[in-house]
Structures are given as structure tokens and as C-alpha cells.
Protein backbone atom coordinates (compact mmCIF):
# COMPACT_ATOMS: atom_id res chain seq x y z
CA MET A 1 -0.05 -0.03 0.03
CA ARG A 2 2.88 2.29 0.80
CA ILE A 3 4.45 1.69 -2.48
CA PHE A 4 1.19 2.53 -4.27
CA PHE A 5 0.78 5.82 -2.53
CA SER A 6 4.49 6.64 -3.15
CA LEU A 7 4.00 6.02 -6.83
CA ILE A 8 0.77 8.07 -6.99
CA SER A 9 2.65 10.83 -5.13
CA ILE A 10 5.52 10.88 -7.68
CA ILE A 11 3.19 10.81 -10.66
CA LEU A 12 1.12 13.62 -9.34
CA PHE A 13 4.14 15.59 -8.47
CA CYS A 14 5.55 15.14 -12.00
CA PHE A 15 2.31 16.35 -13.58
CA ILE A 16 1.17 18.94 -11.09
CA GLY A 17 4.62 19.97 -9.79
CA ILE A 18 6.12 20.63 -13.24
CA ASN A 19 3.21 22.80 -14.19
CA SER A 20 3.33 24.75 -10.98
CA PHE A 21 7.01 25.44 -11.44
CA SER A 22 6.30 26.98 -14.84
CA GLN A 23 4.12 29.60 -13.06
CA ILE A 24 6.83 30.86 -10.68
CA GLU A 25 8.11 34.21 -11.70
CA VAL A 26 11.75 35.11 -11.56
CA TYR A 27 12.46 37.89 -9.09
CA LYS A 28 13.98 40.97 -10.54
CA ALA A 29 15.56 43.35 -8.11
CA LYS A 30 14.99 47.19 -8.54
CA THR A 31 17.96 49.12 -9.85
CA LEU A 32 19.33 51.45 -7.13
CA THR A 33 20.03 55.00 -7.98
CA LEU A 34 21.79 57.75 -5.84
CA ASP A 35 19.78 60.87 -5.16
CA LYS A 36 23.04 62.90 -5.29
CA PRO A 37 26.25 62.15 -7.05
CA ALA A 38 29.14 61.20 -4.72
CA LYS A 39 31.32 64.12 -3.78
CA GLU A 40 34.82 64.04 -5.22
CA VAL A 41 37.57 64.11 -2.51
CA LYS A 42 40.29 66.36 -3.48
CA LEU A 43 43.62 65.87 -1.72
CA ASN A 44 45.92 68.77 -1.18
CA LYS A 45 48.99 68.02 -3.29
CA THR A 46 51.02 70.89 -1.93
CA LYS A 47 53.37 70.09 0.79
CA ILE A 48 53.01 72.32 3.93
CA SER A 49 55.97 74.37 5.18
CA ASP A 50 58.63 72.93 7.45
CA SER A 51 57.50 75.25 10.32
CA ALA A 52 53.90 73.97 10.04
CA LEU A 53 55.22 70.36 9.98
CA THR A 54 57.13 70.84 13.23
CA SER A 55 54.77 73.22 15.06
CA LEU A 56 54.33 71.36 18.44
CA SER A 57 50.91 72.97 19.10
CA PHE A 58 49.49 70.99 16.17
CA PHE A 59 50.09 67.75 17.98
CA VAL A 60 48.69 68.79 21.33
CA GLY A 61 45.17 67.32 21.76
CA ARG A 62 43.07 64.20 21.68
CA TRP A 63 43.60 61.93 18.60
CA LYS A 64 41.47 59.20 17.29
CA CYS A 65 43.75 56.38 16.31
CA GLY A 66 43.44 53.63 13.68
CA VAL A 67 45.59 50.85 12.50
CA ASN A 68 47.00 50.95 8.98
CA GLY A 69 46.80 48.33 6.36
CA ALA A 70 50.02 46.82 5.22
CA VAL A 71 51.45 45.20 2.05
CA TYR A 72 54.70 43.25 2.34
CA GLU A 73 56.64 40.80 0.31
CA ILE A 74 57.92 37.42 1.48
CA LYS A 75 60.89 36.05 -0.58
CA ASP A 76 61.39 32.25 -0.80
CA ILE A 77 65.14 32.04 -1.69
CA ASN A 78 65.05 28.31 -2.14
CA ASN A 79 62.44 28.38 -4.79
CA ASP A 80 63.25 31.84 -6.24
CA LEU A 81 59.64 32.97 -5.50
CA SER A 82 58.10 35.98 -4.02
CA LYS A 83 54.65 36.22 -2.24
CA LEU A 84 52.91 39.52 -1.82
CA LYS A 85 50.86 39.61 1.41
CA THR A 86 48.25 42.23 2.35
CA SER A 87 46.41 42.89 5.50
CA ALA A 88 43.43 45.23 5.97
CA GLY A 89 43.66 48.18 8.25
CA SER A 90 41.47 50.81 9.77
CA ALA A 91 40.70 49.11 13.10
CA LYS A 92 39.81 51.72 15.55
CA THR A 93 41.82 51.90 18.82
CA LYS A 94 41.61 53.98 21.98
CA PRO A 95 42.59 57.69 21.68
CA LEU A 96 46.04 59.19 22.12
CA TYR A 97 46.20 62.20 24.40
CA ILE A 98 49.12 64.64 23.91
CA PHE A 99 49.29 67.27 26.50
CA ASN A 100 51.05 70.61 26.25
CA ASP A 101 52.98 69.92 29.53
CA GLY A 102 55.20 67.31 27.81
CA THR A 103 53.09 64.27 28.88
CA TYR A 104 50.86 61.81 26.97
CA TYR A 105 48.32 59.15 27.81
CA TRP A 106 47.68 56.23 25.33
CA GLU A 107 45.83 53.01 25.43
CA SER A 108 46.69 50.27 22.86
CA TYR A 109 47.40 46.61 22.61
CA GLY A 110 45.74 46.22 25.99
CA GLU A 111 48.14 48.55 27.65
CA LYS A 112 47.56 51.79 29.34
CA LYS A 113 50.56 54.11 29.13
CA LYS A 114 51.21 57.46 30.78
CA GLY A 115 54.57 59.11 30.08
CA LYS A 116 56.60 62.00 28.75
CA TRP A 117 57.14 63.09 25.10
CA GLU A 118 59.98 65.28 23.82
CA LYS A 119 60.88 67.30 20.78
CA THR A 120 63.17 65.50 18.31
CA LYS A 121 65.52 67.00 15.84
CA ARG A 122 63.63 65.46 12.90
CA LYS A 123 61.33 67.56 10.71
CA ASP A 124 59.21 64.53 9.64
CA TYR A 125 58.65 63.33 13.20
CA PRO A 126 59.15 66.31 15.59
CA ILE A 127 57.74 64.38 18.66
CA VAL A 128 58.72 61.13 20.34
CA LEU A 129 56.56 59.34 22.99
CA LEU A 130 59.05 57.88 25.42
CA ASN A 131 58.66 54.32 26.68
CA ALA A 132 55.20 53.99 25.34
CA ILE A 133 53.20 51.11 24.07
CA GLU A 134 55.30 47.83 23.85
CA LYS A 135 57.95 49.68 25.75
CA LYS A 136 59.00 51.39 22.55
CA ASP A 137 59.64 55.12 21.74
CA TRP A 138 56.93 56.10 19.09
CA LEU A 139 57.65 58.98 16.76
CA ILE A 140 54.75 61.29 15.94
CA GLY A 141 54.67 63.16 12.69
CA ARG A 142 52.25 65.28 10.71
CA ASP A 143 50.93 64.32 7.29
CA PRO A 144 53.26 66.15 4.86
CA TYR A 145 50.53 67.22 2.54
CA GLY A 146 48.65 69.16 5.23
CA ALA A 147 45.74 66.85 6.15
CA ASN A 148 44.66 66.84 9.87
CA ILE A 149 46.44 63.44 10.29
CA ILE A 150 49.36 62.25 12.33
CA ASN A 151 51.48 59.26 11.71
CA ILE A 152 52.47 57.23 14.73
CA TRP A 153 55.62 55.23 14.00
CA ASP A 154 57.79 52.78 16.00
CA GLY A 155 60.75 53.43 13.76
CA VAL A 156 60.26 50.24 11.75
CA TYR A 157 56.94 50.56 10.05
CA TYR A 158 53.92 52.86 10.37
CA SER A 159 51.64 51.42 12.97
CA TYR A 160 48.85 54.00 13.36
CA THR A 161 47.33 57.04 11.85
CA ALA A 162 45.14 59.48 13.86
CA THR A 163 42.79 62.25 13.27
CA PRO A 164 41.69 64.88 15.83
CA PHE A 165 38.42 64.39 17.75
């Protein structure tokens, strides 16, 4: 009896089911349009003056930090190959506070650091945070094209960028 009902179910499905499939309409999504065209972002291509780059008052304040992306090459000497690796960036971290009394406060990598900063002799990185995150001295420099961005560098590779709050 079960076999009989199974056969009838299959036959009915074949006749009724196939016909019902032909009645299903294919969904077509609406085309999205923007109300306004996207604004073109224009970067300042003119380098700012050396005095503006090294003005310490620019660096004093609260900075919203983010982790940079990276691209690097790994060379396999044995097989004479190179691999290009990339990592996404822009992870937000805790802010960096640079105070005008020569001190800073910074939270990163799970560490909370309070310490001193001093002026360097470098034009590109006029401030150094002493004994900061990871027990490193971190150099602070202004974006050379005048954007309100600072670069926070450990001396080996860029690790952070920051914008003012």
C-alpha cells in the first residue's frame, strides 16, 4: 500500500509539480540610484611648510587612532619565488592624548601608558613618545600634505594614523 501511495505521489508531483514550476516568476530586483552624485575628494597636493610640519601646538590634543593596512613581500630564496601579502587596516583603537606639559596618555594593545614626550631634531617626526606602548619610543609626525592626520611610527613601520576628535 505504501508503494502505491508513493508511486501516485511521484506521478502527481511530476504532472502537477512541473506545471506549478512554470508559473513561478523570476524575481528581478530594482535598480538602485543615488539621489545625489558622490562628492569628489580632493587631496591637497602641496606640501606644507617645514615650520607647520614641526609646530608642536598642532600635536597637542586628543587623537582618534586607527591601525594602518600593510602590504609586504615574502621572498622564498630556495624556490626563487616571492609572495605578496596584504592585511586590511583601519581598526579603531583607543585615543592618544598629547598634553602641552610634555606628557601623554595612550591605550593600545591592551596597555595603558602614561609618560613623557619630547621634541626630536627630525622635521618629519618632531615628537617622540618615550617608553610608550610595547616599551617602545613612538615617533609622531604630521601628514606632509597638510591633512589633519598624524602618523605614529615605531621606527620600523607605520603602525597608526590618527585624526583629531
